[in-house]
């Protein structure tokens, strides 16, 4: 009987298959991470945009008066929302006394397939 040394072809093929499966799993995880990263970035942008219109409304509030955001400011802000988020739309409901509701919607086709919605209720 001869003593065998080295690797057989079957051992090498099994190693290649196991390595390929591991690399495919790693690629899948990377894809999911990129999708969630995109969704997270868009949510952050929606939050920043909501605070932007809130501060614009606070800046235009007369001393001791009722909050009212000029239509030009809202229009400029809606243009900014559309430019920042994919298929983004923004709406400011109110003011209701010193409170308002800011709603931002966008298409999250890179992440989940459903449209996303961010709503912020704030008092000014």
N, C-alpha and C. Protein backbone atom coordinates (compact mmCIF):
# COMPACT_ATOMS: atom_id res chain seq x y z
N UNK A 1 0.82 -1.17 0.00
CA UNK A 1 0.00 0.00 0.00
C UNK A 1 0.87 1.25 0.00
N UNK A 2 0.40 2.17 -0.82
CA UNK A 2 1.13 3.43 -0.90
C UNK A 2 0.46 4.47 -0.02
N UNK A 3 1.25 5.28 0.60
CA UNK A 3 0.73 6.39 1.40
C UNK A 3 0.41 7.55 0.46
N UNK A 4 -0.84 8.06 0.54
CA UNK A 4 -1.23 9.15 -0.34
C UNK A 4 -0.89 10.49 0.30
N UNK A 5 -0.41 11.39 -0.48
CA UNK A 5 -0.11 12.75 -0.01
C UNK A 5 -0.83 13.73 -0.91
N UNK A 6 -1.07 14.93 -0.38
CA UNK A 6 -1.72 15.97 -1.17
C UNK A 6 -3.24 15.90 -1.08
N UNK A 7 -3.90 16.72 -1.89
CA UNK A 7 -5.35 16.81 -1.89
C UNK A 7 -5.91 16.06 -3.08
N UNK A 8 -7.09 15.51 -2.90
CA UNK A 8 -7.76 14.88 -4.03
C UNK A 8 -8.65 15.90 -4.70
N UNK A 9 -9.08 15.58 -5.89
CA UNK A 9 -9.93 16.49 -6.65
C UNK A 9 -11.26 16.71 -5.95
N UNK A 10 -11.80 15.70 -5.31
CA UNK A 10 -13.09 15.83 -4.61
C UNK A 10 -12.96 16.79 -3.43
N UNK A 11 -11.89 16.72 -2.70
CA UNK A 11 -11.69 17.64 -1.56
C UNK A 11 -11.62 19.08 -2.03
N UNK A 12 -10.93 19.31 -3.14
CA UNK A 12 -10.81 20.67 -3.68
C UNK A 12 -12.17 21.17 -4.16
N UNK A 13 -12.95 20.33 -4.83
CA UNK A 13 -14.28 20.74 -5.29
C UNK A 13 -15.20 21.07 -4.12
N UNK A 14 -15.16 20.28 -3.06
CA UNK A 14 -15.98 20.56 -1.88
C UNK A 14 -15.57 21.90 -1.27
N UNK A 15 -14.29 22.17 -1.20
CA UNK A 15 -13.80 23.44 -0.65
C UNK A 15 -14.28 24.62 -1.50
N UNK A 16 -14.22 24.47 -2.81
CA UNK A 16 -14.67 25.54 -3.71
C UNK A 16 -16.17 25.78 -3.55
N UNK A 17 -16.97 24.74 -3.43
CA UNK A 17 -18.42 24.88 -3.26
C UNK A 17 -18.74 25.58 -1.94
N UNK A 18 -18.10 25.17 -0.86
CA UNK A 18 -18.35 25.79 0.45
C UNK A 18 -17.95 27.27 0.42
N UNK A 19 -16.82 27.58 -0.19
CA UNK A 19 -16.37 28.98 -0.28
C UNK A 19 -17.35 29.80 -1.13
N UNK A 20 -17.83 29.23 -2.24
CA UNK A 20 -18.77 29.95 -3.10
C UNK A 20 -20.07 30.24 -2.38
N UNK A 21 -20.58 29.27 -1.62
CA UNK A 21 -21.81 29.50 -0.86
C UNK A 21 -21.61 30.60 0.17
N UNK A 22 -20.48 30.60 0.83
CA UNK A 22 -20.18 31.65 1.81
C UNK A 22 -20.10 33.03 1.18
N UNK A 23 -19.47 33.11 0.01
CA UNK A 23 -19.36 34.40 -0.68
C UNK A 23 -20.71 34.90 -1.18
N UNK A 24 -21.57 33.99 -1.63
CA UNK A 24 -22.92 34.39 -2.05
C UNK A 24 -23.73 34.92 -0.87
N UNK A 25 -23.59 34.27 0.27
CA UNK A 25 -24.27 34.77 1.47
C UNK A 25 -23.77 36.14 1.87
N UNK A 26 -22.48 36.36 1.77
CA UNK A 26 -21.90 37.67 2.08
C UNK A 26 -22.39 38.74 1.12
N UNK A 27 -22.51 38.40 -0.16
CA UNK A 27 -23.03 39.36 -1.15
C UNK A 27 -24.49 39.70 -0.85
N UNK A 28 -25.27 38.71 -0.43
CA UNK A 28 -26.66 38.97 -0.07
C UNK A 28 -26.77 39.90 1.13
N UNK A 29 -25.93 39.68 2.13
CA UNK A 29 -25.93 40.57 3.30
C UNK A 29 -25.54 42.00 2.91
N UNK A 30 -24.59 42.14 2.01
CA UNK A 30 -24.17 43.47 1.56
C UNK A 30 -25.32 44.19 0.85
N UNK A 31 -26.06 43.46 0.04
CA UNK A 31 -27.20 44.04 -0.67
C UNK A 31 -28.27 44.53 0.30
N UNK A 32 -28.57 43.72 1.30
CA UNK A 32 -29.56 44.11 2.30
C UNK A 32 -29.09 45.32 3.08
N UNK A 33 -27.81 45.36 3.43
CA UNK A 33 -27.26 46.50 4.17
C UNK A 33 -27.36 47.78 3.36
N UNK A 34 -27.08 47.71 2.07
CA UNK A 34 -27.19 48.90 1.21
C UNK A 34 -28.63 49.39 1.12
N UNK A 35 -29.57 48.45 1.04
CA UNK A 35 -30.99 48.83 0.97
C UNK A 35 -31.43 49.54 2.25
N UNK A 36 -31.07 48.98 3.39
CA UNK A 36 -31.44 49.60 4.66
C UNK A 36 -30.73 50.93 4.86
N UNK A 37 -29.51 51.05 4.37
CA UNK A 37 -28.78 52.30 4.46
C UNK A 37 -29.48 53.39 3.65
N UNK A 38 -29.97 53.04 2.46
CA UNK A 38 -30.69 53.99 1.63
C UNK A 38 -31.98 54.45 2.31
N UNK A 39 -32.72 53.51 2.88
CA UNK A 39 -33.96 53.84 3.58
C UNK A 39 -33.68 54.75 4.78
N UNK A 40 -32.65 54.44 5.52
CA UNK A 40 -32.29 55.24 6.69
C UNK A 40 -31.90 56.66 6.28
N UNK A 41 -31.14 56.79 5.20
CA UNK A 41 -30.74 58.11 4.72
C UNK A 41 -31.96 58.94 4.33
N UNK A 42 -32.90 58.32 3.63
CA UNK A 42 -34.09 59.05 3.21
C UNK A 42 -34.95 59.47 4.41
N UNK A 43 -35.04 58.62 5.42
CA UNK A 43 -35.78 59.01 6.63
C UNK A 43 -35.10 60.19 7.32
N UNK A 44 -33.79 60.17 7.35
CA UNK A 44 -33.05 61.29 7.96
C UNK A 44 -33.30 62.58 7.18
N UNK A 45 -33.30 62.49 5.86
CA UNK A 45 -33.56 63.67 5.04
C UNK A 45 -34.97 64.19 5.27
N UNK A 46 -35.94 63.30 5.41
CA UNK A 46 -37.32 63.72 5.68
C UNK A 46 -37.41 64.45 7.02
N UNK A 47 -36.69 63.97 8.01
CA UNK A 47 -36.68 64.62 9.32
C UNK A 47 -36.07 66.01 9.23
N UNK A 48 -34.96 66.13 8.53
CA UNK A 48 -34.31 67.43 8.36
C UNK A 48 -35.23 68.39 7.62
N UNK A 49 -35.91 67.91 6.59
CA UNK A 49 -36.82 68.77 5.83
C UNK A 49 -38.01 69.22 6.67
N UNK A 50 -38.52 68.36 7.53
CA UNK A 50 -39.63 68.73 8.40
C UNK A 50 -39.19 69.81 9.39
N UNK A 51 -38.01 69.65 9.95
CA UNK A 51 -37.51 70.68 10.86
C UNK A 51 -37.22 71.98 10.12
N UNK A 52 -36.84 71.89 8.84
CA UNK A 52 -36.57 73.08 8.04
C UNK A 52 -37.83 73.95 7.91
N UNK A 53 -38.96 73.34 7.53
CA UNK A 53 -40.18 74.14 7.38
C UNK A 53 -40.68 74.62 8.74
N UNK A 54 -40.44 73.83 9.79
CA UNK A 54 -40.83 74.28 11.13
C UNK A 54 -40.08 75.55 11.50
N UNK A 55 -38.79 75.56 11.24
CA UNK A 55 -37.99 76.76 11.56
C UNK A 55 -38.36 77.94 10.67
N UNK A 56 -38.72 77.67 9.43
CA UNK A 56 -39.17 78.77 8.56
C UNK A 56 -40.46 79.38 9.11
N UNK A 57 -41.35 78.53 9.61
CA UNK A 57 -42.60 79.04 10.18
C UNK A 57 -42.33 79.82 11.46
N UNK A 58 -41.42 79.33 12.29
CA UNK A 58 -41.09 80.06 13.52
C UNK A 58 -40.45 81.41 13.20
N UNK A 59 -39.64 81.46 12.15
CA UNK A 59 -38.97 82.70 11.79
C UNK A 59 -39.95 83.75 11.27
N UNK A 60 -41.04 83.31 10.65
CA UNK A 60 -42.00 84.27 10.11
C UNK A 60 -43.13 84.60 11.08
N UNK A 61 -43.08 84.03 12.28
CA UNK A 61 -44.12 84.27 13.28
C UNK A 61 -43.95 85.66 13.89
N UNK A 62 -44.99 86.48 13.85
CA UNK A 62 -44.90 87.78 14.50
C UNK A 62 -44.87 87.62 16.02
N UNK A 63 -44.29 88.56 16.70
CA UNK A 63 -44.18 88.49 18.16
C UNK A 63 -45.57 88.42 18.78
N UNK A 64 -45.85 87.34 19.49
CA UNK A 64 -47.14 87.17 20.15
C UNK A 64 -48.29 86.88 19.21
N UNK A 65 -47.98 86.69 17.93
CA UNK A 65 -49.04 86.47 16.96
C UNK A 65 -49.25 85.01 16.63
N UNK A 66 -50.17 84.81 15.72
CA UNK A 66 -50.51 83.46 15.27
C UNK A 66 -49.52 83.05 14.18
N UNK A 67 -49.16 81.80 14.20
CA UNK A 67 -48.21 81.27 13.22
C UNK A 67 -48.86 81.24 11.85
N UNK A 68 -48.14 81.73 10.86
CA UNK A 68 -48.60 81.64 9.48
C UNK A 68 -47.37 81.62 8.59
N UNK A 69 -47.25 80.58 7.82
CA UNK A 69 -46.11 80.45 6.91
C UNK A 69 -46.51 81.01 5.55
N UNK A 70 -45.77 81.96 5.02
CA UNK A 70 -46.11 82.51 3.71
C UNK A 70 -46.11 81.41 2.65
N UNK A 71 -47.04 81.51 1.70
CA UNK A 71 -47.18 80.48 0.67
C UNK A 71 -45.91 80.32 -0.15
N UNK A 72 -45.17 81.39 -0.34
CA UNK A 72 -43.90 81.29 -1.07
C UNK A 72 -42.90 80.40 -0.36
N UNK A 73 -42.87 80.49 0.97
CA UNK A 73 -41.98 79.62 1.75
C UNK A 73 -42.37 78.16 1.62
N UNK A 74 -43.67 77.89 1.68
CA UNK A 74 -44.15 76.51 1.55
C UNK A 74 -43.83 75.98 0.15
N UNK A 75 -44.04 76.81 -0.86
CA UNK A 75 -43.75 76.40 -2.24
C UNK A 75 -42.27 76.10 -2.43
N UNK A 76 -41.40 76.96 -1.90
CA UNK A 76 -39.95 76.72 -1.98
C UNK A 76 -39.58 75.43 -1.25
N UNK A 77 -40.19 75.22 -0.09
CA UNK A 77 -39.90 74.02 0.69
C UNK A 77 -40.36 72.76 -0.05
N UNK A 78 -41.54 72.81 -0.68
CA UNK A 78 -42.04 71.66 -1.44
C UNK A 78 -41.13 71.34 -2.62
N UNK A 79 -40.57 72.37 -3.24
CA UNK A 79 -39.59 72.15 -4.32
C UNK A 79 -38.34 71.47 -3.77
N UNK A 80 -37.91 71.88 -2.58
CA UNK A 80 -36.75 71.27 -1.94
C UNK A 80 -37.02 69.80 -1.59
N UNK A 81 -38.22 69.51 -1.11
CA UNK A 81 -38.59 68.12 -0.80
C UNK A 81 -38.55 67.27 -2.06
N UNK A 82 -39.11 67.79 -3.16
CA UNK A 82 -39.14 67.04 -4.43
C UNK A 82 -37.73 66.81 -4.96
N UNK A 83 -36.82 67.76 -4.73
CA UNK A 83 -35.44 67.61 -5.21
C UNK A 83 -34.61 66.69 -4.32
N UNK A 84 -34.95 66.60 -3.04
CA UNK A 84 -34.15 65.82 -2.10
C UNK A 84 -34.56 64.36 -2.05
N UNK A 85 -35.85 64.08 -2.06
CA UNK A 85 -36.34 62.71 -1.93
C UNK A 85 -36.94 62.23 -3.25
N UNK A 86 -36.78 60.95 -3.59
CA UNK A 86 -37.36 60.44 -4.84
C UNK A 86 -38.89 60.49 -4.80
N UNK A 87 -39.47 61.17 -5.77
CA UNK A 87 -40.92 61.37 -5.84
C UNK A 87 -41.45 61.97 -4.54
N UNK A 88 -40.68 62.89 -3.97
CA UNK A 88 -41.04 63.47 -2.68
C UNK A 88 -42.11 64.54 -2.78
N UNK A 89 -43.04 64.50 -1.83
CA UNK A 89 -44.07 65.53 -1.71
C UNK A 89 -44.15 65.95 -0.26
N UNK A 90 -44.44 67.22 -0.04
CA UNK A 90 -44.56 67.73 1.31
C UNK A 90 -45.83 68.53 1.47
N UNK A 91 -46.41 68.48 2.66
CA UNK A 91 -47.65 69.19 2.94
C UNK A 91 -47.58 69.74 4.36
N UNK A 92 -48.05 70.97 4.53
CA UNK A 92 -48.14 71.59 5.85
C UNK A 92 -49.61 71.83 6.12
N UNK A 93 -50.16 71.14 7.10
CA UNK A 93 -51.56 71.31 7.49
C UNK A 93 -51.61 72.20 8.72
N UNK A 94 -52.47 73.16 8.69
CA UNK A 94 -52.57 74.07 9.82
C UNK A 94 -52.21 75.46 9.35
N UNK A 95 -51.89 76.33 10.19
CA UNK A 95 -51.70 76.11 11.62
C UNK A 95 -53.03 76.00 12.35
N UNK A 96 -53.01 75.23 13.40
CA UNK A 96 -54.14 75.08 14.31
C UNK A 96 -53.75 75.79 15.60
N UNK A 97 -54.00 77.08 15.65
CA UNK A 97 -53.49 77.87 16.77
C UNK A 97 -51.99 78.02 16.60
N UNK A 98 -51.24 77.45 17.50
CA UNK A 98 -49.79 77.47 17.37
C UNK A 98 -49.23 76.09 17.03
N UNK A 99 -50.04 75.21 16.49
CA UNK A 99 -49.59 73.86 16.13
C UNK A 99 -49.83 73.61 14.65
N UNK A 100 -49.07 72.69 14.10
CA UNK A 100 -49.26 72.30 12.71
C UNK A 100 -48.82 70.85 12.52
N UNK A 101 -49.23 70.27 11.40
CA UNK A 101 -48.86 68.90 11.05
C UNK A 101 -48.11 68.96 9.73
N UNK A 102 -46.90 68.42 9.73
CA UNK A 102 -46.06 68.39 8.53
C UNK A 102 -45.99 66.95 8.05
N UNK A 103 -46.34 66.73 6.78
CA UNK A 103 -46.34 65.39 6.21
C UNK A 103 -45.43 65.36 5.00
N UNK A 104 -44.54 64.37 4.96
CA UNK A 104 -43.64 64.18 3.82
C UNK A 104 -43.79 62.74 3.35
N UNK A 105 -43.97 62.56 2.04
CA UNK A 105 -44.07 61.23 1.45
C UNK A 105 -43.04 61.10 0.34
N UNK A 106 -42.53 59.87 0.15
CA UNK A 106 -41.58 59.62 -0.92
C UNK A 106 -41.62 58.15 -1.33
N UNK A 107 -41.04 57.87 -2.49
CA UNK A 107 -40.99 56.52 -3.02
C UNK A 107 -39.67 55.88 -2.59
N UNK A 108 -39.78 54.75 -1.92
CA UNK A 108 -38.59 54.05 -1.44
C UNK A 108 -38.37 52.79 -2.26
N UNK A 109 -38.21 52.95 -3.57
CA UNK A 109 -38.11 51.78 -4.44
C UNK A 109 -36.80 51.02 -4.26
N UNK A 110 -35.75 51.66 -3.73
CA UNK A 110 -34.50 50.93 -3.47
C UNK A 110 -34.59 50.10 -2.20
N UNK A 111 -35.41 50.54 -1.27
CA UNK A 111 -35.55 49.80 -0.02
C UNK A 111 -36.75 48.89 -0.09
N UNK A 112 -37.74 49.18 0.72
CA UNK A 112 -38.99 48.44 0.65
C UNK A 112 -39.76 48.97 -0.55
N UNK A 113 -40.68 48.20 -1.07
CA UNK A 113 -41.37 48.60 -2.28
C UNK A 113 -42.53 49.56 -2.04
N UNK A 114 -42.91 49.77 -0.80
CA UNK A 114 -44.04 50.63 -0.52
C UNK A 114 -43.57 52.07 -0.31
N UNK A 115 -44.45 53.05 -0.59
CA UNK A 115 -44.07 54.44 -0.35
C UNK A 115 -43.94 54.71 1.15
N UNK A 116 -43.04 55.60 1.49
CA UNK A 116 -42.81 55.94 2.90
C UNK A 116 -43.50 57.26 3.23
N UNK A 117 -43.82 57.41 4.50
CA UNK A 117 -44.52 58.61 4.97
C UNK A 117 -43.93 59.02 6.31
N UNK A 118 -43.62 60.30 6.44
CA UNK A 118 -43.13 60.85 7.69
C UNK A 118 -44.09 61.96 8.09
N UNK A 119 -44.59 61.90 9.31
CA UNK A 119 -45.53 62.91 9.79
C UNK A 119 -45.02 63.46 11.11
N UNK A 120 -44.99 64.77 11.21
CA UNK A 120 -44.52 65.42 12.43
C UNK A 120 -45.56 66.44 12.88
N UNK A 121 -45.98 66.30 14.12
CA UNK A 121 -46.89 67.27 14.74
C UNK A 121 -46.05 68.11 15.68
N UNK A 122 -46.17 69.41 15.54
CA UNK A 122 -45.34 70.27 16.37
C UNK A 122 -46.12 71.52 16.77
N UNK A 123 -45.72 72.08 17.88
CA UNK A 123 -46.27 73.38 18.28
C UNK A 123 -45.16 74.41 18.11
N UNK A 124 -45.55 75.57 17.64
CA UNK A 124 -44.57 76.61 17.30
C UNK A 124 -44.55 77.71 18.33
